């Protein structure tokens, strides 16, 4: 399975002629990521994870492109999607299902706390093909398994470095790659990823930085 990272939290998976894209948000190369895609999987409603305008435009241009999201977000999208509404589907937490030929497991259900005065929203983490875990905006660890690969939100308004490190340690994955990194400059990214590299190695996880549009085979 080929995985390509785009800016921030957007990733594209390709396998057996099928393409699945997670979290094509406002910081990401949405049109490139969604080229020839079969399905979009969204963790939560924030714009840095879903650029509604650009995604709807891509769905209009690609009649076979389907979108899957937490129910509250899917309801909101259907209300404004017009003739696209029938191609927008609910995802529930703690479920197993198949999207565009990819086996998916869902975990969690709630976005990490930013501040008590900021309303919480639904957030679902996804395990793709039993191998790669994308937590969205949370540090929820998938229960009952250890993913071989974890995508690590290295920086966010809702986190601190110690929580990033604890997430890497808790998942116990063989390898880790960066996501949620668009708000860091080169200096900040180097500092955080340096910590993740050192602590990951101590606990058996190999961390590797991926630049935007860089691909790996998993």
Foldseek 3Di string as FASTA:
>chain_A
DKWAFWAFQWIWDDDPRAIEIFFQADRTPNVVRCVSHQEYEYFWDDRSRPVLVVVLVVCVVPVRYAYEYAPVVLVVSLVPNVPCNVRYYHDDAQDWDDGRRKTKHKHDFWAADLDPVDDITTGIWIDINQAEIERHRDLDADPPDAHQEYEFQLDDSRDDLVSSLVSLLVSLHQEYEYHRPNVDDPVVVVVSVVVNCVSNVVRNYHYDYDDRRDMDDD
